[in-house]
């Protein structure tokens, strides 16, 4: 996470670094020595490495082009031993320059459901957003709803309390697209989306299977709650 923070948040857990600039932001050297070298013996078991960029990138970069340039330089310096994905949480960066930087480096845009992002259905409506030969998505929160509010609504995460038809339909479409194209897809569902991630996953898979061979042929989808 520290590699994707241009400035450390002013939070107690960051100690003396809180509020200060991060000298290791998008440092390929630090990424190599602190993570990738350690993971290399297990590369065949690592499905995907996701780089999450929070709201601070909106203050750290003058615009999408400078952010895209930084991303391109960073990923061009990393080994191709792993799949990489980028999750952003600022809608203003969903521009052609951002998608182009990812596509040129074989990095996936991670379709996410998040407070300040357009819905996954809107993101996948742009063909330019599919930037790699695999797909990744994180269904975390309902757009427009904050993290703390979601925690209050859904904890202790034992049952679905608010089915989200829009997100379910978008994830279904991603899965069917990936199956038709014979491409890997990695979808992560959080408890704070509907209240109980395993139930959300089961509902999506059951919905797809109920449509029969028309949508996915004889292939089976193997869900995994993380």
C-alpha atoms as a PDB file:
ATOM      1  CA  UNK A   1       0.000   0.000   0.000  1.00  0.00           C
ATOM      2  CA  UNK A   2       2.825   2.433   0.802  1.00  0.00           C
ATOM      3  CA  UNK A   3       3.996   2.280  -2.806  1.00  0.00           C
ATOM      4  CA  UNK A   4       0.695   3.791  -3.975  1.00  0.00           C
ATOM      5  CA  UNK A   5       0.498   6.649  -1.447  1.00  0.00           C
ATOM      6  CA  UNK A   6       2.011   9.902  -2.742  1.00  0.00           C
ATOM      7  CA  UNK A   7       1.392  11.435   0.702  1.00  0.00           C
ATOM      8  CA  UNK A   8       0.891   9.507   3.922  1.00  0.00           C
ATOM      9  CA  UNK A   9      -2.582  10.197   5.375  1.00  0.00           C
ATOM     10  CA  UNK A  10      -2.754  12.215   8.577  1.00  0.00           C
ATOM     11  CA  UNK A  11      -3.770   9.210  10.621  1.00  0.00           C
ATOM     12  CA  UNK A  12      -2.243   7.909  13.887  1.00  0.00           C
ATOM     13  CA  UNK A  13      -1.247   4.577  12.366  1.00  0.00           C
ATOM     14  CA  UNK A  14       1.299   6.301  10.122  1.00  0.00           C
ATOM     15  CA  UNK A  15       3.152   7.767  13.088  1.00  0.00           C
ATOM     16  CA  UNK A  16       5.826  10.315  12.216  1.00  0.00           C
ATOM     17  CA  UNK A  17       5.160   9.820   8.491  1.00  0.00           C
ATOM     18  CA  UNK A  18       1.576  11.128   8.738  1.00  0.00           C
ATOM     19  CA  UNK A  19       0.995  14.025   6.367  1.00  0.00           C
ATOM     20  CA  UNK A  20       4.419  13.757   4.748  1.00  0.00           C
ATOM     21  CA  UNK A  21       5.355  12.974   1.182  1.00  0.00           C
ATOM     22  CA  UNK A  22       6.250   9.374   0.398  1.00  0.00           C
ATOM     23  CA  UNK A  23       9.746   9.043  -1.109  1.00  0.00           C
ATOM     24  CA  UNK A  24       8.947   5.485  -2.216  1.00  0.00           C
ATOM     25  CA  UNK A  25       5.785   6.345  -4.154  1.00  0.00           C
ATOM     26  CA  UNK A  26       5.745   4.235  -7.340  1.00  0.00           C
ATOM     27  CA  UNK A  27       9.325   3.174  -6.816  1.00  0.00           C
ATOM     28  CA  UNK A  28       9.991   0.085  -8.950  1.00  0.00           C
ATOM     29  CA  UNK A  29      13.194  -0.588  -7.013  1.00  0.00           C
ATOM     30  CA  UNK A  30      11.370  -0.741  -3.680  1.00  0.00           C
ATOM     31  CA  UNK A  31       8.560  -2.787  -5.186  1.00  0.00           C
ATOM     32  CA  UNK A  32      11.098  -5.240  -6.557  1.00  0.00           C
ATOM     33  CA  UNK A  33      13.068  -5.721  -3.356  1.00  0.00           C
ATOM     34  CA  UNK A  34      10.236  -5.511  -0.817  1.00  0.00           C
ATOM     35  CA  UNK A  35       7.619  -7.587  -2.601  1.00  0.00           C
ATOM     36  CA  UNK A  36       8.298  -9.062  -6.021  1.00  0.00           C
ATOM     37  CA  UNK A  37      11.597 -10.748  -5.162  1.00  0.00           C
ATOM     38  CA  UNK A  38       9.896 -12.360  -2.163  1.00  0.00           C
ATOM     39  CA  UNK A  39       6.959 -13.529  -4.258  1.00  0.00           C
ATOM     40  CA  UNK A  40       8.982 -14.802  -7.191  1.00  0.00           C
ATOM     41  CA  UNK A  41       9.296 -18.411  -5.889  1.00  0.00           C
ATOM     42  CA  UNK A  42       5.487 -18.525  -5.700  1.00  0.00           C
ATOM     43  CA  UNK A  43       4.709 -16.670  -8.929  1.00  0.00           C
ATOM     44  CA  UNK A  44       2.721 -19.571 -10.361  1.00  0.00           C
ATOM     45  CA  UNK A  45       0.374 -19.339  -7.346  1.00  0.00           C
ATOM     46  CA  UNK A  46      -0.133 -15.565  -7.383  1.00  0.00           C
ATOM     47  CA  UNK A  47      -3.237 -14.791  -9.423  1.00  0.00           C
ATOM     48  CA  UNK A  48      -3.047 -11.004  -9.482  1.00  0.00           C
ATOM     49  CA  UNK A  49      -1.328  -8.046  -7.819  1.00  0.00           C
ATOM     50  CA  UNK A  50      -3.641  -5.037  -7.434  1.00  0.00           C
ATOM     51  CA  UNK A  51      -2.306  -1.526  -6.919  1.00  0.00           C
ATOM     52  CA  UNK A  52      -4.934   0.584  -5.149  1.00  0.00           C
ATOM     53  CA  UNK A  53      -4.759   4.362  -5.540  1.00  0.00           C
ATOM     54  CA  UNK A  54      -6.900   6.353  -3.125  1.00  0.00           C
ATOM     55  CA  UNK A  55      -8.142   9.919  -3.146  1.00  0.00           C
ATOM     56  CA  UNK A  56      -4.681  11.391  -2.572  1.00  0.00           C
ATOM     57  CA  UNK A  57      -3.709  10.926  -6.221  1.00  0.00           C
ATOM     58  CA  UNK A  58      -6.200  13.648  -7.085  1.00  0.00           C
ATOM     59  CA  UNK A  59      -4.048  16.079  -5.120  1.00  0.00           C
ATOM     60  CA  UNK A  60      -0.693  14.665  -6.153  1.00  0.00           C
ATOM     61  CA  UNK A  61      -1.127  14.966  -9.920  1.00  0.00           C
ATOM     62  CA  UNK A  62      -2.099  17.955 -12.009  1.00  0.00           C
ATOM     63  CA  UNK A  63      -4.237  15.760 -14.249  1.00  0.00           C
ATOM     64  CA  UNK A  64      -4.751  12.382 -15.820  1.00  0.00           C
ATOM     65  CA  UNK A  65      -1.817  12.677 -18.231  1.00  0.00           C
ATOM     66  CA  UNK A  66       0.786  13.130 -15.511  1.00  0.00           C
ATOM     67  CA  UNK A  67      -0.713  10.244 -13.540  1.00  0.00           C
ATOM     68  CA  UNK A  68      -0.779   8.050 -16.646  1.00  0.00           C
ATOM     69  CA  UNK A  69       2.845   8.884 -17.387  1.00  0.00           C
ATOM     70  CA  UNK A  70       3.868   7.884 -13.852  1.00  0.00           C
ATOM     71  CA  UNK A  71       1.947   4.612 -14.134  1.00  0.00           C
ATOM     72  CA  UNK A  72       3.474   3.802 -17.501  1.00  0.00           C
ATOM     73  CA  UNK A  73       7.008   4.387 -16.251  1.00  0.00           C
ATOM     74  CA  UNK A  74       6.387   2.306 -13.131  1.00  0.00           C
ATOM     75  CA  UNK A  75       4.881  -0.751 -14.818  1.00  0.00           C
ATOM     76  CA  UNK A  76       7.388  -0.694 -17.663  1.00  0.00           C
ATOM     77  CA  UNK A  77      10.062  -1.244 -15.013  1.00  0.00           C
ATOM     78  CA  UNK A  78       8.408  -4.276 -13.396  1.00  0.00           C
ATOM     79  CA  UNK A  79       8.978  -7.886 -14.455  1.00  0.00           C
ATOM     80  CA  UNK A  80       6.263  -9.635 -16.436  1.00  0.00           C
ATOM     81  CA  UNK A  81       6.249 -12.558 -13.999  1.00  0.00           C
ATOM     82  CA  UNK A  82       2.921 -11.432 -12.532  1.00  0.00           C
ATOM     83  CA  UNK A  83      -0.452 -10.066 -13.587  1.00  0.00           C
ATOM     84  CA  UNK A  84      -0.955  -6.470 -12.460  1.00  0.00           C
ATOM     85  CA  UNK A  85      -4.113  -4.443 -11.959  1.00  0.00           C
ATOM     86  CA  UNK A  86      -4.801  -0.831 -11.001  1.00  0.00           C
ATOM     87  CA  UNK A  87      -7.745   0.270  -8.891  1.00  0.00           C
ATOM     88  CA  UNK A  88      -8.452   3.998  -8.781  1.00  0.00           C
ATOM     89  CA  UNK A  89     -11.034   5.726  -6.607  1.00  0.00           C
ATOM     90  CA  UNK A  90     -11.301   9.078  -8.371  1.00  0.00           C
ATOM     91  CA  UNK A  91     -13.693   9.170 -11.333  1.00  0.00           C
ATOM     92  CA  UNK A  92     -11.872  12.045 -13.037  1.00  0.00           C
ATOM     93  CA  UNK A  93      -9.004   9.719 -13.931  1.00  0.00           C
ATOM     94  CA  UNK A  94     -11.211   7.466 -16.082  1.00  0.00           C
ATOM     95  CA  UNK A  95      -9.841   9.024 -19.247  1.00  0.00           C
ATOM     96  CA  UNK A  96      -8.234   7.655 -22.450  1.00  0.00           C
ATOM     97  CA  UNK A  97      -4.704   8.518 -21.279  1.00  0.00           C
ATOM     98  CA  UNK A  98      -5.107   6.388 -18.141  1.00  0.00           C
ATOM     99  CA  UNK A  99      -6.510   3.428 -20.067  1.00  0.00           C
ATOM    100  CA  UNK A 100      -3.794   3.754 -22.706  1.00  0.00           C
ATOM    101  CA  UNK A 101      -1.017   3.652 -20.102  1.00  0.00           C
ATOM    102  CA  UNK A 102      -2.431   0.426 -18.684  1.00  0.00           C
ATOM    103  CA  UNK A 103      -3.037  -1.177 -22.075  1.00  0.00           C
ATOM    104  CA  UNK A 104       0.491  -0.489 -23.293  1.00  0.00           C
ATOM    105  CA  UNK A 105       1.842  -2.361 -20.271  1.00  0.00           C
ATOM    106  CA  UNK A 106      -0.706  -5.202 -20.189  1.00  0.00           C
ATOM    107  CA  UNK A 107      -2.132  -3.983 -16.867  1.00  0.00           C
ATOM    108  CA  UNK A 108      -5.830  -4.370 -16.065  1.00  0.00           C
ATOM    109  CA  UNK A 109      -8.105  -1.549 -14.980  1.00  0.00           C
ATOM    110  CA  UNK A 110      -9.883  -2.962 -11.934  1.00  0.00           C
ATOM    111  CA  UNK A 111     -13.611  -2.367 -12.245  1.00  0.00           C
ATOM    112  CA  UNK A 112     -14.652  -1.312  -8.767  1.00  0.00           C
ATOM    113  CA  UNK A 113     -17.796  -0.446  -6.895  1.00  0.00           C
ATOM    114  CA  UNK A 114     -16.764   2.395  -4.604  1.00  0.00           C
ATOM    115  CA  UNK A 115     -18.086   5.547  -2.943  1.00  0.00           C
ATOM    116  CA  UNK A 116     -16.858   8.130  -5.449  1.00  0.00           C
ATOM    117  CA  UNK A 117     -16.734   5.955  -8.559  1.00  0.00           C
ATOM    118  CA  UNK A 118     -19.364   5.360 -11.240  1.00  0.00           C
ATOM    119  CA  UNK A 119     -20.992   1.960 -11.044  1.00  0.00           C
ATOM    120  CA  UNK A 120     -19.273  -1.097 -12.482  1.00  0.00           C
ATOM    121  CA  UNK A 121     -21.974  -1.253 -15.150  1.00  0.00           C
ATOM    122  CA  UNK A 122     -21.022   2.233 -16.334  1.00  0.00           C
ATOM    123  CA  UNK A 123     -17.302   1.444 -16.262  1.00  0.00           C
ATOM    124  CA  UNK A 124     -17.643  -1.697 -18.370  1.00  0.00           C
ATOM    125  CA  UNK A 125     -19.756   0.143 -20.940  1.00  0.00           C
ATOM    126  CA  UNK A 126     -16.519   1.765 -22.151  1.00  0.00           C
ATOM    127  CA  UNK A 127     -14.639  -0.740 -24.314  1.00  0.00           C
ATOM    128  CA  UNK A 128     -11.406   1.199 -23.693  1.00  0.00           C
ATOM    129  CA  UNK A 129     -11.576   0.177 -20.029  1.00  0.00           C
ATOM    130  CA  UNK A 130     -10.672  -3.431 -20.899  1.00  0.00           C
ATOM    131  CA  UNK A 131      -6.922  -2.973 -20.948  1.00  0.00           C
ATOM    132  CA  UNK A 132      -5.495  -6.487 -20.528  1.00  0.00           C
ATOM    133  CA  UNK A 133      -6.060 -10.087 -21.589  1.00  0.00           C
ATOM    134  CA  UNK A 134      -7.701 -10.786 -18.233  1.00  0.00           C
ATOM    135  CA  UNK A 135     -10.372  -9.054 -16.159  1.00  0.00           C
ATOM    136  CA  UNK A 136     -10.427  -7.899 -12.542  1.00  0.00           C
ATOM    137  CA  UNK A 137     -13.141  -6.360 -10.401  1.00  0.00           C
ATOM    138  CA  UNK A 138     -13.652  -5.411  -6.753  1.00  0.00           C
ATOM    139  CA  UNK A 139     -17.221  -5.007  -5.527  1.00  0.00           C
ATOM    140  CA  UNK A 140     -16.578  -3.144  -2.288  1.00  0.00           C
ATOM    141  CA  UNK A 141     -19.251  -0.534  -1.508  1.00  0.00           C
ATOM    142  CA  UNK A 142     -22.406   0.822  -3.093  1.00  0.00           C
ATOM    143  CA  UNK A 143     -21.475   3.972  -5.055  1.00  0.00           C
ATOM    144  CA  UNK A 144     -22.331   7.067  -3.044  1.00  0.00           C
ATOM    145  CA  UNK A 145     -22.098   5.302   0.321  1.00  0.00           C
ATOM    146  CA  UNK A 146     -19.120   5.675   2.637  1.00  0.00           C
ATOM    147  CA  UNK A 147     -17.160   2.963   4.385  1.00  0.00           C
ATOM    148  CA  UNK A 148     -18.215   3.802   7.947  1.00  0.00           C
ATOM    149  CA  UNK A 149     -21.887   3.936   7.017  1.00  0.00           C
ATOM    150  CA  UNK A 150     -21.583   0.559   5.319  1.00  0.00           C
ATOM    151  CA  UNK A 151     -19.978  -0.936   8.412  1.00  0.00           C
ATOM    152  CA  UNK A 152     -22.840   0.300  10.582  1.00  0.00           C
ATOM    153  CA  UNK A 153     -25.442  -1.033   8.185  1.00  0.00           C
ATOM    154  CA  UNK A 154     -24.041  -4.482   7.563  1.00  0.00           C
ATOM    155  CA  UNK A 155     -21.908  -5.697  10.467  1.00  0.00           C
ATOM    156  CA  UNK A 156     -21.560  -8.381  11.773  1.00  0.00           C
ATOM    157  CA  UNK A 157     -21.833  -9.618   8.138  1.00  0.00           C
ATOM    158  CA  UNK A 158     -23.967 -12.698   8.645  1.00  0.00           C
ATOM    159  CA  UNK A 159     -26.644 -12.196   6.006  1.00  0.00           C
ATOM    160  CA  UNK A 160     -27.480 -10.212   2.897  1.00  0.00           C
ATOM    161  CA  UNK A 161     -29.317  -7.102   4.041  1.00  0.00           C
ATOM    162  CA  UNK A 162     -29.490  -5.070   0.848  1.00  0.00           C
ATOM    163  CA  UNK A 163     -29.316  -6.931  -2.484  1.00  0.00           C
ATOM    164  CA  UNK A 164     -27.641  -4.806  -5.137  1.00  0.00           C
ATOM    165  CA  UNK A 165     -29.109  -5.790  -8.483  1.00  0.00           C
ATOM    166  CA  UNK A 166     -26.956  -3.355 -10.467  1.00  0.00           C
ATOM    167  CA  UNK A 167     -23.638  -4.681  -9.178  1.00  0.00           C
ATOM    168  CA  UNK A 168     -24.750  -8.294  -9.462  1.00  0.00           C
ATOM    169  CA  UNK A 169     -25.744  -7.769 -13.089  1.00  0.00           C
ATOM    170  CA  UNK A 170     -22.439  -6.060 -13.903  1.00  0.00           C
ATOM    171  CA  UNK A 171     -20.389  -8.858 -12.324  1.00  0.00           C
ATOM    172  CA  UNK A 172     -22.503 -11.409 -14.179  1.00  0.00           C
ATOM    173  CA  UNK A 173     -21.721  -9.634 -17.447  1.00  0.00           C
ATOM    174  CA  UNK A 174     -17.998  -9.617 -16.662  1.00  0.00           C
ATOM    175  CA  UNK A 175     -18.014 -13.335 -15.930  1.00  0.00           C
ATOM    176  CA  UNK A 176     -19.916 -14.218 -19.084  1.00  0.00           C
ATOM    177  CA  UNK A 177     -17.665 -11.987 -21.194  1.00  0.00           C
ATOM    178  CA  UNK A 178     -14.564 -13.636 -19.773  1.00  0.00           C
ATOM    179  CA  UNK A 179     -15.935 -17.137 -20.351  1.00  0.00           C
ATOM    180  CA  UNK A 180     -16.825 -16.361 -23.949  1.00  0.00           C
ATOM    181  CA  UNK A 181     -13.352 -14.933 -24.568  1.00  0.00           C
ATOM    182  CA  UNK A 182     -11.622 -17.754 -22.645  1.00  0.00           C
ATOM    183  CA  UNK A 183      -9.840 -15.177 -20.501  1.00  0.00           C
ATOM    184  CA  UNK A 184      -9.136 -15.320 -16.763  1.00  0.00           C
ATOM    185  CA  UNK A 185     -11.304 -13.149 -14.542  1.00  0.00           C
ATOM    186  CA  UNK A 186     -10.746 -12.258 -10.901  1.00  0.00           C
ATOM    187  CA  UNK A 187     -13.707 -10.893  -8.963  1.00  0.00           C
ATOM    188  CA  UNK A 188     -13.553  -9.895  -5.318  1.00  0.00           C
ATOM    189  CA  UNK A 189     -16.687  -9.187  -3.278  1.00  0.00           C
ATOM    190  CA  UNK A 190     -16.673  -7.424   0.089  1.00  0.00           C
ATOM    191  CA  UNK A 191     -19.100  -7.953   2.965  1.00  0.00           C
ATOM    192  CA  UNK A 192     -19.868  -4.249   2.915  1.00  0.00           C
ATOM    193  CA  UNK A 193     -21.493  -4.411  -0.518  1.00  0.00           C
ATOM    194  CA  UNK A 194     -24.644  -6.268   0.540  1.00  0.00           C
ATOM    195  CA  UNK A 195     -23.856  -7.530   4.036  1.00  0.00           C
ATOM    196  CA  UNK A 196     -22.545 -11.053   3.344  1.00  0.00           C
ATOM    197  CA  UNK A 197     -20.037 -11.636   0.545  1.00  0.00           C
ATOM    198  CA  UNK A 198     -20.454 -15.441   0.277  1.00  0.00           C
ATOM    199  CA  UNK A 199     -24.185 -14.931  -0.202  1.00  0.00           C
ATOM    200  CA  UNK A 200     -23.585 -12.319  -2.892  1.00  0.00           C
ATOM    201  CA  UNK A 201     -21.217 -14.612  -4.757  1.00  0.00           C
ATOM    202  CA  UNK A 202     -23.626 -17.538  -4.514  1.00  0.00           C
ATOM    203  CA  UNK A 203     -26.495 -15.423  -5.846  1.00  0.00           C
ATOM    204  CA  UNK A 204     -24.467 -14.259  -8.861  1.00  0.00           C
ATOM    205  CA  UNK A 205     -23.323 -17.776  -9.727  1.00  0.00           C
ATOM    206  CA  UNK A 206     -26.798 -19.238  -9.263  1.00  0.00           C
ATOM    207  CA  UNK A 207     -28.220 -16.542 -11.518  1.00  0.00           C
ATOM    208  CA  UNK A 208     -25.741 -17.384 -14.263  1.00  0.00           C
ATOM    209  CA  UNK A 209     -26.211 -21.120 -13.994  1.00  0.00           C
ATOM    210  CA  UNK A 210     -29.992 -20.734 -14.089  1.00  0.00           C
ATOM    211  CA  UNK A 211     -29.622 -19.283 -17.586  1.00  0.00           C
ATOM    212  CA  UNK A 212     -28.085 -22.559 -18.738  1.00  0.00           C
ATOM    213  CA  UNK A 213     -25.824 -23.216 -21.697  1.00  0.00           C
ATOM    214  CA  UNK A 214     -27.112 -20.192 -23.613  1.00  0.00           C
ATOM    215  CA  UNK A 215     -24.758 -17.902 -21.721  1.00  0.00           C
ATOM    216  CA  UNK A 216     -21.773 -19.941 -20.596  1.00  0.00           C
ATOM    217  CA  UNK A 217     -21.894 -23.280 -22.354  1.00  0.00           C
ATOM    218  CA  UNK A 218     -20.843 -26.324 -20.371  1.00  0.00           C
ATOM    219  CA  UNK A 219     -18.174 -24.437 -18.422  1.00  0.00           C
ATOM    220  CA  UNK A 220     -18.367 -24.237 -14.662  1.00  0.00           C
ATOM    221  CA  UNK A 221     -17.649 -21.154 -12.562  1.00  0.00           C
ATOM    222  CA  UNK A 222     -15.829 -21.847  -9.319  1.00  0.00           C
ATOM    223  CA  UNK A 223     -16.533 -19.039  -6.830  1.00  0.00           C
ATOM    224  CA  UNK A 224     -14.205 -18.174  -3.989  1.00  0.00           C
ATOM    225  CA  UNK A 225     -14.945 -15.791  -1.122  1.00  0.00           C
ATOM    226  CA  UNK A 226     -11.876 -13.978   0.133  1.00  0.00           C
END
